[in-house]
């Protein structure tokens, strides 16, 4: 795999992951009242803990996208 192919891969991977992150955030915001009680019952948690877990999920996913997709993409763009 050449550097150009890797750069293209990381670019598209970043775009796809950012779309997934955005859709997840929008779905959680719009349907929080319906989904949170369901997940609370499924996992025997309090609803406030489920809401906290949603926030942690979105934050950790964003950090992973930055670390493993966007940062290497920018490094390769600067290098090449």
Protein backbone atom coordinates (compact mmCIF):
# COMPACT_ATOMS: atom_id res chain seq x y z
CA UNK A 1 0.00 0.00 0.00
CA UNK A 2 1.45 3.34 -1.01
CA UNK A 3 1.38 6.52 1.04
CA UNK A 4 -1.19 8.01 -1.33
CA UNK A 5 -3.51 5.03 -0.90
CA UNK A 6 -3.10 5.12 2.88
CA UNK A 7 -3.85 8.84 2.93
CA UNK A 8 -6.98 8.30 0.85
CA UNK A 9 -8.06 5.44 3.10
CA UNK A 10 -7.59 7.48 6.27
CA UNK A 11 -9.44 10.42 4.72
CA UNK A 12 -12.49 8.36 3.82
CA UNK A 13 -12.32 6.49 7.11
CA UNK A 14 -12.39 9.84 8.93
CA UNK A 15 -15.40 11.00 6.93
CA UNK A 16 -17.34 7.78 7.55
CA UNK A 17 -16.55 7.77 11.28
CA UNK A 18 -17.52 11.43 11.66
CA UNK A 19 -20.84 10.72 9.92
CA UNK A 20 -21.47 7.80 12.30
CA UNK A 21 -20.59 10.01 15.29
CA UNK A 22 -22.91 12.78 14.09
CA UNK A 23 -25.80 10.41 13.41
CA UNK A 24 -25.33 8.75 16.80
CA UNK A 25 -25.40 12.10 18.57
CA UNK A 26 -28.48 13.25 16.65
CA UNK A 27 -30.33 9.98 17.33
CA UNK A 28 -29.47 10.12 21.03
CA UNK A 29 -30.60 13.73 21.28
CA UNK A 30 -33.87 13.18 19.42
CA UNK A 31 -34.83 9.81 20.92
CA UNK A 32 -33.24 10.06 24.36
CA UNK A 33 -36.61 9.87 26.11
CA UNK A 34 -37.57 6.62 24.37
CA UNK A 35 -34.21 4.85 24.19
CA UNK A 36 -32.77 5.60 27.64
CA UNK A 37 -35.54 3.85 29.64
CA UNK A 38 -35.31 0.84 27.34
CA UNK A 39 -31.54 0.55 27.80
CA UNK A 40 -31.91 1.14 31.55
CA UNK A 41 -34.27 -1.85 31.78
CA UNK A 42 -32.13 -4.02 29.49
CA UNK A 43 -28.97 -3.51 31.53
CA UNK A 44 -30.52 -3.01 34.99
CA UNK A 45 -29.20 0.52 35.32
CA UNK A 46 -30.63 3.81 36.44
CA UNK A 47 -31.67 6.08 33.61
CA UNK A 48 -29.22 8.79 34.71
CA UNK A 49 -26.36 6.27 34.44
CA UNK A 50 -27.48 5.33 30.94
CA UNK A 51 -27.45 8.99 29.91
CA UNK A 52 -23.94 9.34 31.35
CA UNK A 53 -22.87 6.23 29.41
CA UNK A 54 -24.18 7.80 26.18
CA UNK A 55 -22.10 10.92 26.83
CA UNK A 56 -18.99 8.85 27.61
CA UNK A 57 -19.52 6.75 24.47
CA UNK A 58 -19.71 9.81 22.24
CA UNK A 59 -16.67 11.39 23.88
CA UNK A 60 -14.52 8.29 23.67
CA UNK A 61 -15.56 7.62 20.08
CA UNK A 62 -14.61 11.19 19.15
CA UNK A 63 -11.19 10.81 20.79
CA UNK A 64 -10.58 7.53 18.94
CA UNK A 65 -11.51 9.12 15.61
CA UNK A 66 -9.08 11.95 16.25
CA UNK A 67 -6.27 9.62 17.37
CA UNK A 68 -6.58 6.88 14.77
CA UNK A 69 -8.02 8.62 11.71
CA UNK A 70 -7.63 12.39 11.65
CA UNK A 71 -4.16 12.75 13.21
CA UNK A 72 -2.48 10.17 10.92
CA UNK A 73 -4.32 11.65 7.93
CA UNK A 74 -3.01 15.15 8.71
CA UNK A 75 0.50 13.78 9.35
CA UNK A 76 0.53 12.03 5.98
CA UNK A 77 -0.82 15.12 4.21
CA UNK A 78 1.90 17.27 5.77
CA UNK A 79 4.57 14.67 5.01
CA UNK A 80 3.56 14.07 1.41
